[in-house]
Amino acid sequence: MHLNRKGILDIDSVKGCTFGTTKYENGCYGVCYANKTAKLYNYDFTHSVTRNINYKNINQLCLFNDMFFGDNKIINILRQHKLGWFRIGTMGDPSHDWVATVNLCLWLHKIRVPVVVTKHWIEIPEYLLTKFKQVGAVINTSISALDTMREIKYRLHQFKRIGNFGIKSILRIVSCEFGKTEIGVNLSKIQDELFKYKPIIDNPLRISKDDKRVYSGDIVIKLVENINTKSSISIFNKNAYIGECSACPDQCGLTL
């Protein structure tokens, strides 16, 4: 459990991201913030590790029934959290272990709404979609024009599949201001198509000014104030929100 400086309370079912770090050096798109943070604290982000619930002092009925809350530190912190939701998928992709993720939602959903952020490296099995619907989870499908066309098609399918199942499904677009280069123009067209879907969250890419894609002009960045620090961010939509979560109009999809 971790409360970051934006005010997000993450209770991750999985730490690390084998799939993202296998495909990209330094994690997704080469700029994964979670991977950078893990390296800073000397954690191995290249291996996804399930964080199972410690049922000491908590009576687990079973996966397919509700769970007794218990009285422990996680419950107490969650009850005091000022936002109406918590996030699963901050320092690792929950698709590594969907059963553990559902278990976590079953345990905590009556206190705060679970928001699950994933790239769907592994598809959610049909029988678990029923449980995500039961707990009122909001599922954010992370996608970007920087993905391959095969990945985009697959993630759009998951976004639609989840929504058609009756679950609140949000398309979380990692967006960029692309330059006027040949690559930038092509990526911009793909991104424009993604923004036609609804509901969406615009999540501007945090990327270093030293990145080769910035040097080449494929991606354009701005140095902006971001939670009391200066950050280089590629902002496609000037109205995209980048501040503290408590003032965000989207609330990770709850208000959409």
Protein backbone atom coordinates (compact mmCIF):
# COMPACT_ATOMS: atom_id res chain seq x y z
CA MET A 1 0.00 0.00 0.00
CA HIS A 2 1.33 3.42 -0.94
CA LEU A 3 -0.01 6.97 -1.02
CA ASN A 4 1.88 8.95 -3.65
CA ARG A 5 2.36 12.71 -3.88
CA LYS A 6 -0.63 13.04 -6.22
CA GLY A 7 -2.89 11.58 -3.55
CA ILE A 8 -3.40 8.18 -5.18
CA LEU A 9 -3.71 5.28 -2.77
CA ASP A 10 -2.43 2.20 -4.55
CA ILE A 11 -3.03 -1.29 -3.22
CA ASP A 12 -1.36 -3.39 -5.88
CA SER A 13 -2.10 -7.07 -6.38
CA VAL A 14 1.13 -7.32 -8.41
CA LYS A 15 4.47 -5.58 -8.13
CA GLY A 16 6.80 -5.46 -11.13
CA CYS A 17 6.02 -5.94 -14.82
CA THR A 18 7.67 -8.83 -16.63
CA PHE A 19 5.70 -8.22 -19.83
CA GLY A 20 6.38 -4.48 -20.12
CA THR A 21 10.09 -4.73 -19.34
CA THR A 22 10.50 -7.68 -21.70
CA LYS A 23 9.05 -5.71 -24.59
CA TYR A 24 10.63 -2.34 -23.75
CA GLU A 25 13.92 -1.49 -22.14
CA ASN A 26 13.08 0.52 -18.99
CA GLY A 27 9.40 -0.45 -19.21
CA CYS A 28 6.58 0.73 -21.46
CA TYR A 29 7.71 3.14 -24.18
CA GLY A 30 11.09 3.21 -22.44
CA VAL A 31 9.87 5.78 -19.90
CA CYS A 32 7.93 3.78 -17.29
CA TYR A 33 7.78 5.82 -14.08
CA ALA A 34 7.16 2.71 -11.95
CA ASN A 35 10.28 1.06 -13.38
CA LYS A 36 12.33 4.19 -12.68
CA THR A 37 11.05 4.34 -9.11
CA ALA A 38 11.78 0.64 -8.55
CA LYS A 39 15.37 1.13 -9.73
CA LEU A 40 15.75 4.08 -7.40
CA TYR A 41 14.91 1.85 -4.43
CA ASN A 42 16.84 -1.13 -5.81
CA TYR A 43 13.79 -3.32 -6.54
CA ASP A 44 13.74 -5.71 -9.49
CA PHE A 45 10.88 -4.45 -11.64
CA THR A 46 11.53 -7.04 -14.38
CA HIS A 47 9.74 -9.81 -12.45
CA SER A 48 6.01 -9.65 -11.72
CA VAL A 49 5.34 -10.80 -8.17
CA THR A 50 1.87 -11.50 -6.77
CA ARG A 51 1.10 -9.87 -3.44
CA ASN A 52 -1.39 -12.25 -1.84
CA ILE A 53 -3.61 -11.11 1.00
CA ASN A 54 -2.35 -12.08 4.43
CA TYR A 55 -5.44 -13.60 5.96
CA LYS A 56 -4.16 -13.48 9.52
CA ASN A 57 -7.02 -11.92 11.49
CA ILE A 58 -9.15 -11.93 8.32
CA ASN A 59 -11.65 -14.72 7.64
CA GLN A 60 -11.62 -15.64 3.96
CA LEU A 61 -14.86 -17.30 2.96
CA CYS A 62 -13.75 -18.15 -0.58
CA LEU A 63 -12.99 -16.50 -3.92
CA PHE A 64 -16.60 -16.64 -5.08
CA ASN A 65 -18.19 -15.16 -1.97
CA ASP A 66 -17.75 -11.89 -0.15
CA MET A 67 -15.02 -11.50 2.45
CA PHE A 68 -15.02 -10.37 6.04
CA PHE A 69 -13.30 -7.00 6.31
CA GLY A 70 -11.20 -7.80 9.34
CA ASP A 71 -9.46 -5.12 11.38
CA ASN A 72 -5.99 -4.38 10.12
CA LYS A 73 -3.78 -1.55 8.91
CA ILE A 74 -4.94 -1.67 5.28
CA ILE A 75 -8.60 -1.46 6.23
CA ASN A 76 -8.00 1.45 8.60
CA ILE A 77 -5.95 3.45 6.08
CA LEU A 78 -8.48 2.82 3.33
CA ARG A 79 -11.37 3.99 5.50
CA GLN A 80 -9.54 7.25 6.20
CA HIS A 81 -8.56 7.85 2.56
CA LYS A 82 -10.13 11.09 1.28
CA LEU A 83 -10.91 9.79 -2.22
CA GLY A 84 -13.75 7.37 -2.91
CA TRP A 85 -11.54 4.90 -4.73
CA PHE A 86 -8.18 3.15 -4.65
CA ARG A 87 -6.03 2.02 -7.55
CA ILE A 88 -4.70 -1.40 -8.49
CA GLY A 89 -1.97 -1.24 -11.14
CA THR A 90 0.45 1.51 -10.14
CA MET A 91 3.72 -0.39 -9.59
CA GLY A 92 2.85 -3.47 -11.63
CA ASP A 93 0.26 -4.74 -14.11
CA PRO A 94 -2.56 -6.71 -12.41
CA SER A 95 -3.02 -8.90 -15.49
CA HIS A 96 -0.10 -10.99 -14.22
CA ASP A 97 -2.54 -12.49 -11.69
CA TRP A 98 -6.22 -11.78 -12.25
CA VAL A 99 -7.36 -14.14 -9.48
CA ALA A 100 -5.30 -12.24 -6.89
CA THR A 101 -6.67 -8.97 -8.27
CA VAL A 102 -10.27 -10.15 -7.95
CA ASN A 103 -9.57 -11.37 -4.42
CA LEU A 104 -8.30 -7.92 -3.50
CA CYS A 105 -11.39 -6.27 -4.98
CA LEU A 106 -13.71 -8.69 -3.15
CA TRP A 107 -12.01 -7.88 0.11
CA LEU A 108 -12.03 -4.07 -0.15
CA HIS A 109 -14.81 -3.00 -2.52
CA LYS A 110 -17.34 -2.13 0.18
CA ILE A 111 -14.99 0.49 1.61
CA ARG A 112 -13.74 2.18 -1.59
CA VAL A 113 -14.26 1.56 -5.32
CA PRO A 114 -11.47 -0.50 -6.94
CA VAL A 115 -9.94 1.11 -10.04
CA VAL A 116 -7.92 -1.39 -12.07
CA VAL A 117 -5.34 -0.05 -14.56
CA THR A 118 -3.98 -2.59 -17.04
CA LYS A 119 -2.54 -3.16 -20.49
CA HIS A 120 -4.16 -6.60 -20.59
CA TRP A 121 -0.92 -8.48 -21.19
CA ILE A 122 -3.10 -11.42 -20.13
CA GLU A 123 -6.82 -11.34 -20.92
CA ILE A 124 -9.31 -11.32 -18.05
CA PRO A 125 -11.06 -14.71 -18.06
CA GLU A 126 -14.82 -14.57 -18.63
CA TYR A 127 -15.66 -16.06 -15.22
CA LEU A 128 -13.69 -13.31 -13.46
CA LEU A 129 -15.45 -10.54 -15.38
CA THR A 130 -18.55 -11.56 -13.43
CA LYS A 131 -16.70 -10.86 -10.17
CA PHE A 132 -15.34 -7.48 -11.36
CA LYS A 133 -18.91 -6.51 -12.23
CA GLN A 134 -20.13 -7.69 -8.83
CA VAL A 135 -17.68 -5.48 -6.93
CA GLY A 136 -18.37 -2.41 -9.10
CA ALA A 137 -14.78 -2.15 -10.33
CA VAL A 138 -13.75 0.49 -12.86
CA ILE A 139 -11.29 -0.94 -15.39
CA ASN A 140 -8.90 1.41 -17.20
CA THR A 141 -7.40 -0.03 -20.38
CA SER A 142 -4.06 1.70 -20.99
CA ILE A 143 -3.35 2.33 -24.68
CA SER A 144 -1.24 4.64 -26.84
CA ALA A 145 -0.45 5.48 -30.43
CA LEU A 146 3.06 4.30 -29.46
CA ASP A 147 1.70 0.73 -29.24
CA THR A 148 1.91 -1.56 -32.26
CA MET A 149 -1.20 -1.81 -34.44
CA ARG A 150 -1.71 -5.37 -33.20
CA GLU A 151 -1.60 -4.18 -29.58
CA ILE A 152 -3.99 -1.32 -30.31
CA LYS A 153 -6.50 -3.66 -31.95
CA TYR A 154 -6.22 -6.12 -29.03
CA ARG A 155 -6.58 -3.44 -26.32
CA LEU A 156 -9.53 -1.80 -28.05
CA HIS A 157 -11.16 -5.23 -28.14
CA GLN A 158 -10.62 -5.62 -24.37
CA PHE A 159 -11.99 -2.12 -23.71
CA LYS A 160 -15.16 -2.91 -25.68
CA ARG A 161 -15.48 -6.44 -24.28
CA ILE A 162 -15.38 -5.20 -20.70
CA GLY A 163 -17.90 -2.44 -21.41
CA ASN A 164 -20.25 -4.84 -23.16
CA PHE A 165 -20.13 -7.04 -20.08
CA GLY A 166 -21.66 -4.22 -18.05
CA ILE A 167 -18.48 -3.11 -16.28
CA LYS A 168 -17.42 0.54 -16.27
CA SER A 169 -14.72 0.47 -18.95
CA ILE A 170 -12.41 3.44 -19.56
CA LEU A 171 -9.90 3.91 -22.38
CA ARG A 172 -6.82 5.43 -20.72
CA ILE A 173 -4.85 7.05 -23.55
CA VAL A 174 -1.16 7.73 -22.99
CA SER A 175 -1.06 10.74 -25.29
CA CYS A 176 1.68 12.84 -26.89
CA GLU A 177 2.04 15.99 -28.89
CA PHE A 178 3.63 14.53 -31.97
CA GLY A 179 5.90 16.59 -34.19
CA LYS A 180 5.65 17.30 -37.91
CA THR A 181 8.10 14.56 -38.85
CA GLU A 182 6.94 11.63 -40.98
CA ILE A 183 6.78 9.38 -37.90
CA GLY A 184 5.10 12.07 -35.83
CA VAL A 185 2.39 12.73 -38.43
CA ASN A 186 1.59 8.99 -38.73
CA LEU A 187 1.39 8.57 -34.96
CA SER A 188 -0.79 11.66 -34.67
CA LYS A 189 -3.33 10.12 -37.08
CA ILE A 190 -3.48 6.95 -34.98
CA GLN A 191 -3.93 9.00 -31.83
CA ASP A 192 -6.75 11.02 -33.37
CA GLU A 193 -8.63 7.77 -33.99
CA LEU A 194 -8.16 6.67 -30.37
CA PHE A 195 -9.63 9.92 -29.09
CA LYS A 196 -12.86 9.19 -30.97
CA TYR A 197 -13.73 6.48 -28.44
CA LYS A 198 -15.69 7.23 -25.28
CA PRO A 199 -15.24 7.34 -22.36
CA ILE A 200 -11.55 8.23 -22.32
CA ILE A 201 -8.94 9.60 -19.98
CA ASP A 202 -6.11 11.69 -21.41
CA ASN A 203 -2.84 10.73 -19.69
CA PRO A 204 0.02 12.87 -21.13
CA LEU A 205 3.36 11.10 -21.51
CA ARG A 206 6.13 12.06 -19.08
CA ILE A 207 9.28 11.86 -21.15
CA SER A 208 12.82 13.18 -20.74
CA LYS A 209 14.11 16.03 -22.89
CA ASP A 210 17.08 13.74 -23.62
CA ASP A 211 14.92 11.03 -25.20
CA LYS A 212 15.90 10.31 -28.82
CA ARG A 213 12.28 10.76 -29.95
CA VAL A 214 12.35 14.29 -28.56
CA TYR A 215 15.72 14.99 -30.23
CA SER A 216 14.36 13.78 -33.57
CA GLY A 217 11.24 15.95 -33.29
CA ASP A 218 8.84 12.99 -33.33
CA ILE A 219 7.59 13.96 -29.86
CA VAL A 220 7.27 17.55 -28.64
CA ILE A 221 7.59 18.33 -24.92
CA LYS A 222 6.94 21.22 -22.57
CA LEU A 223 8.50 21.94 -19.20
CA VAL A 224 5.56 22.41 -16.86
CA GLU A 225 4.82 22.73 -13.14
CA ASN A 226 3.76 19.31 -11.90
CA ILE A 227 3.10 18.90 -8.15
CA ASN A 228 5.68 21.50 -7.08
CA THR A 229 8.35 20.27 -9.50
CA LYS A 230 9.24 21.00 -13.11
CA SER A 231 8.52 18.06 -15.42
CA SER A 232 8.99 17.54 -19.14
CA ILE A 233 5.64 16.35 -20.47
CA SER A 234 4.27 15.89 -23.96
CA ILE A 235 0.82 17.50 -23.89
CA PHE A 236 -1.53 16.84 -26.81
CA ASN A 237 -4.58 18.49 -25.27
CA LYS A 238 -3.95 21.79 -23.47
CA ASN A 239 -6.86 21.00 -21.14
CA ALA A 240 -5.40 17.66 -20.01
CA TYR A 241 -5.23 17.48 -16.22
CA ILE A 242 -1.81 16.83 -14.63
CA GLY A 243 -2.28 17.97 -11.03
CA GLU A 244 -3.28 16.30 -7.77
CA CYS A 245 -5.89 13.56 -8.03
CA SER A 246 -8.30 15.12 -5.54
CA ALA A 247 -9.04 17.95 -8.00
CA CYS A 248 -9.05 15.81 -11.16
CA PRO A 249 -12.40 15.90 -13.00
CA ASP A 250 -12.03 12.29 -14.21
CA GLN A 251 -11.22 10.50 -10.92
CA CYS A 252 -9.75 7.59 -12.90
CA GLY A 253 -13.09 7.11 -14.64
CA LEU A 254 -15.52 7.24 -11.72
CA THR A 255 -17.06 10.51 -12.87
CA LEU A 256 -17.16 9.66 -16.59
